[in-house]
Every structure is written in C-alpha cells, then in structure tokens.
Amino acid sequence: MKGQNILYTVKEVAELLKTNVDYVHKLRKSGLLPFLKIGQYKVRAESLYIFLEQYEGKDLTDPFNVKELDYNV
C-alpha cells in the first residue's frame, strides 16, 4: 500500500478496515484519518498506511478518546 498514489472512498476504507462507513466517518471527524473532498470524501493510500502504523496498539473504539490497549483484559 505504501507509496501508491491511490485514493480510497469512505466505503473502500470501511472494507479495508473491516468496519462500517459510519465508523470511518468518525475517524474522519476526529481528525485521526485525514481525508480530502473531491465530490465525496477520499483518503490517500499513504495516509491510511500512516494511520495504521501510528495507531497500532491503540484502542480506537471511540476515535475521540484514543487509549492504549489493555492486554490484560
């Protein structure tokens, strides 16, 4: 994925992250995943890659309240 000049729609990001469109919009609104708007919201593949690396090991259940994962639960 890194280095590719590809734009993903919200729906495509939801499919890649195995989540739903509403959750992807929460990521967008929280500012955790930067989008641009060209007709509809889109994210660069590079931005998605950076997001995944930056938030690995985090609990993103609530994108407005990011926490460290508790591995003891």
N, C-alpha and C. Protein backbone atom coordinates (compact mmCIF):
# COMPACT_ATOMS: atom_id res chain seq x y z
N MET A 1 0.82 -1.19 0.00
CA MET A 1 0.00 0.00 0.00
C MET A 1 0.87 1.26 0.00
N LYS A 2 1.96 1.25 0.76
CA LYS A 2 2.80 2.44 0.87
C LYS A 2 3.40 2.81 -0.48
N GLY A 3 3.39 4.12 -0.75
CA GLY A 3 4.00 4.62 -1.96
C GLY A 3 3.06 4.65 -3.16
N GLN A 4 1.87 4.09 -3.00
CA GLN A 4 0.93 4.10 -4.10
C GLN A 4 0.17 5.41 -4.10
N ASN A 5 -0.16 5.88 -5.27
CA ASN A 5 -0.88 7.12 -5.43
C ASN A 5 -2.36 6.83 -5.65
N ILE A 6 -2.97 6.16 -4.69
CA ILE A 6 -4.35 5.71 -4.81
C ILE A 6 -5.22 6.46 -3.81
N LEU A 7 -6.43 6.80 -4.23
CA LEU A 7 -7.41 7.39 -3.35
C LEU A 7 -8.48 6.36 -3.05
N TYR A 8 -8.85 6.26 -1.78
CA TYR A 8 -9.90 5.34 -1.35
C TYR A 8 -11.11 6.15 -0.90
N THR A 9 -12.30 5.66 -1.25
CA THR A 9 -13.54 6.26 -0.77
C THR A 9 -13.78 5.80 0.66
N VAL A 10 -14.73 6.42 1.33
CA VAL A 10 -15.09 6.03 2.69
C VAL A 10 -15.51 4.56 2.70
N LYS A 11 -16.30 4.17 1.73
CA LYS A 11 -16.77 2.78 1.65
C LYS A 11 -15.59 1.82 1.48
N GLU A 12 -14.63 2.17 0.63
CA GLU A 12 -13.46 1.32 0.42
C GLU A 12 -12.61 1.22 1.69
N VAL A 13 -12.46 2.33 2.41
CA VAL A 13 -11.71 2.32 3.66
C VAL A 13 -12.42 1.41 4.66
N ALA A 14 -13.73 1.50 4.73
CA ALA A 14 -14.50 0.65 5.64
C ALA A 14 -14.26 -0.83 5.31
N GLU A 15 -14.24 -1.16 4.04
CA GLU A 15 -13.99 -2.55 3.63
C GLU A 15 -12.58 -2.98 4.01
N LEU A 16 -11.60 -2.11 3.77
CA LEU A 16 -10.21 -2.44 4.08
C LEU A 16 -10.00 -2.63 5.58
N LEU A 17 -10.66 -1.80 6.39
CA LEU A 17 -10.51 -1.87 7.84
C LEU A 17 -11.48 -2.87 8.47
N LYS A 18 -12.33 -3.47 7.64
CA LYS A 18 -13.32 -4.44 8.12
C LYS A 18 -14.22 -3.81 9.19
N THR A 19 -14.74 -2.64 8.86
CA THR A 19 -15.62 -1.89 9.75
C THR A 19 -16.76 -1.31 8.91
N ASN A 20 -17.48 -0.34 9.43
CA ASN A 20 -18.59 0.23 8.67
C ASN A 20 -18.31 1.69 8.31
N VAL A 21 -19.11 2.20 7.40
CA VAL A 21 -18.95 3.55 6.88
C VAL A 21 -19.09 4.59 8.00
N ASP A 22 -20.04 4.40 8.91
CA ASP A 22 -20.23 5.35 9.99
C ASP A 22 -18.97 5.49 10.85
N TYR A 23 -18.30 4.36 11.12
CA TYR A 23 -17.08 4.41 11.92
C TYR A 23 -15.97 5.16 11.17
N VAL A 24 -15.87 4.95 9.87
CA VAL A 24 -14.85 5.66 9.08
C VAL A 24 -15.11 7.17 9.14
N HIS A 25 -16.38 7.57 9.10
CA HIS A 25 -16.69 8.99 9.22
C HIS A 25 -16.30 9.51 10.61
N LYS A 26 -16.40 8.70 11.66
CA LYS A 26 -15.94 9.10 12.99
C LYS A 26 -14.43 9.31 12.98
N LEU A 27 -13.70 8.43 12.30
CA LEU A 27 -12.25 8.60 12.19
C LEU A 27 -11.94 9.92 11.48
N ARG A 28 -12.71 10.23 10.45
CA ARG A 28 -12.52 11.47 9.70
C ARG A 28 -12.83 12.68 10.57
N LYS A 29 -13.98 12.66 11.24
CA LYS A 29 -14.40 13.81 12.05
C LYS A 29 -13.48 14.04 13.24
N SER A 30 -12.90 12.97 13.76
CA SER A 30 -11.98 13.11 14.90
C SER A 30 -10.61 13.64 14.47
N GLY A 31 -10.33 13.59 13.16
CA GLY A 31 -9.05 14.06 12.66
C GLY A 31 -7.96 12.99 12.68
N LEU A 32 -8.30 11.78 13.10
CA LEU A 32 -7.29 10.72 13.16
C LEU A 32 -6.87 10.26 11.77
N LEU A 33 -7.80 10.28 10.84
CA LEU A 33 -7.52 9.85 9.47
C LEU A 33 -7.86 11.00 8.53
N PRO A 34 -6.85 11.62 7.92
CA PRO A 34 -7.09 12.81 7.09
C PRO A 34 -7.70 12.46 5.73
N PHE A 35 -8.76 13.15 5.40
CA PHE A 35 -9.45 12.97 4.12
C PHE A 35 -9.36 14.25 3.32
N LEU A 36 -9.67 14.14 2.05
CA LEU A 36 -9.88 15.30 1.20
C LEU A 36 -11.22 15.08 0.52
N LYS A 37 -11.80 16.14 0.03
CA LYS A 37 -13.12 16.00 -0.59
C LYS A 37 -13.03 16.37 -2.06
N ILE A 38 -13.24 15.37 -2.90
CA ILE A 38 -13.29 15.54 -4.35
C ILE A 38 -14.61 14.90 -4.76
N GLY A 39 -15.68 15.68 -4.68
CA GLY A 39 -17.01 15.12 -4.88
C GLY A 39 -17.48 14.42 -3.61
N GLN A 40 -16.75 13.41 -3.22
CA GLN A 40 -17.02 12.71 -1.95
C GLN A 40 -15.69 12.59 -1.21
N TYR A 41 -15.77 12.22 0.07
CA TYR A 41 -14.55 12.11 0.86
C TYR A 41 -13.68 10.96 0.36
N LYS A 42 -12.36 11.25 0.30
CA LYS A 42 -11.39 10.25 -0.12
C LYS A 42 -10.14 10.39 0.74
N VAL A 43 -9.43 9.29 0.87
CA VAL A 43 -8.19 9.29 1.64
C VAL A 43 -7.09 8.67 0.77
N ARG A 44 -5.90 9.22 0.87
CA ARG A 44 -4.77 8.66 0.12
C ARG A 44 -4.33 7.35 0.77
N ALA A 45 -3.88 6.41 -0.04
CA ALA A 45 -3.38 5.13 0.47
C ALA A 45 -2.25 5.37 1.47
N GLU A 46 -1.38 6.32 1.19
CA GLU A 46 -0.27 6.65 2.08
C GLU A 46 -0.77 7.11 3.44
N SER A 47 -1.82 7.92 3.46
CA SER A 47 -2.39 8.40 4.72
C SER A 47 -2.98 7.25 5.52
N LEU A 48 -3.62 6.32 4.84
CA LEU A 48 -4.17 5.15 5.52
C LEU A 48 -3.06 4.30 6.11
N TYR A 49 -1.99 4.13 5.38
CA TYR A 49 -0.83 3.37 5.86
C TYR A 49 -0.24 4.02 7.12
N ILE A 50 -0.07 5.33 7.08
CA ILE A 50 0.48 6.07 8.22
C ILE A 50 -0.45 5.94 9.42
N PHE A 51 -1.75 6.07 9.19
CA PHE A 51 -2.74 5.92 10.26
C PHE A 51 -2.62 4.56 10.93
N LEU A 52 -2.53 3.49 10.15
CA LEU A 52 -2.43 2.14 10.70
C LEU A 52 -1.16 1.97 11.51
N GLU A 53 -0.06 2.50 11.05
CA GLU A 53 1.19 2.41 11.81
C GLU A 53 1.15 3.25 13.08
N GLN A 54 0.61 4.44 12.99
CA GLN A 54 0.61 5.37 14.11
C GLN A 54 -0.29 4.88 15.24
N TYR A 55 -1.39 4.23 14.91
CA TYR A 55 -2.35 3.83 15.94
C TYR A 55 -2.34 2.34 16.26
N GLU A 56 -1.33 1.63 15.79
CA GLU A 56 -1.20 0.22 16.17
C GLU A 56 -0.98 0.15 17.68
N GLY A 57 -1.69 -0.78 18.33
CA GLY A 57 -1.58 -0.92 19.77
C GLY A 57 -2.49 0.01 20.55
N LYS A 58 -3.37 0.70 19.85
CA LYS A 58 -4.30 1.63 20.48
C LYS A 58 -5.73 1.08 20.40
N ASP A 59 -6.56 1.50 21.35
CA ASP A 59 -7.99 1.20 21.33
C ASP A 59 -8.68 2.38 20.67
N LEU A 60 -9.17 2.17 19.46
CA LEU A 60 -9.82 3.22 18.68
C LEU A 60 -11.34 3.05 18.66
N THR A 61 -11.88 2.32 19.63
CA THR A 61 -13.32 2.11 19.69
C THR A 61 -14.04 3.45 19.63
N ASP A 62 -13.54 4.41 20.38
CA ASP A 62 -14.05 5.78 20.34
C ASP A 62 -12.93 6.67 19.81
N PRO A 63 -12.98 7.05 18.53
CA PRO A 63 -11.89 7.83 17.94
C PRO A 63 -11.65 9.18 18.62
N PHE A 64 -12.62 9.64 19.41
CA PHE A 64 -12.47 10.91 20.12
C PHE A 64 -11.83 10.72 21.49
N ASN A 65 -11.56 9.45 21.85
CA ASN A 65 -10.97 9.12 23.14
C ASN A 65 -10.05 7.90 22.97
N VAL A 66 -8.92 8.10 22.32
CA VAL A 66 -7.98 7.01 22.00
C VAL A 66 -7.25 6.59 23.27
N LYS A 67 -7.15 5.28 23.47
CA LYS A 67 -6.50 4.73 24.65
C LYS A 67 -5.49 3.69 24.23
N GLU A 68 -4.55 3.42 25.13
CA GLU A 68 -3.64 2.30 24.92
C GLU A 68 -4.44 1.00 25.11
N LEU A 69 -4.11 -0.02 24.35
CA LEU A 69 -4.76 -1.31 24.53
C LEU A 69 -4.34 -1.91 25.86
N ASP A 70 -5.29 -2.48 26.56
CA ASP A 70 -5.02 -3.17 27.81
C ASP A 70 -4.93 -4.66 27.50
N TYR A 71 -3.71 -5.19 27.44
CA TYR A 71 -3.50 -6.57 27.05
C TYR A 71 -3.84 -7.55 28.17
N ASN A 72 -4.18 -7.05 29.35
CA ASN A 72 -4.51 -7.90 30.49
C ASN A 72 -6.00 -8.22 30.57
N VAL A 73 -6.78 -7.67 29.66
CA VAL A 73 -8.23 -7.89 29.70
C VAL A 73 -8.59 -9.11 28.87
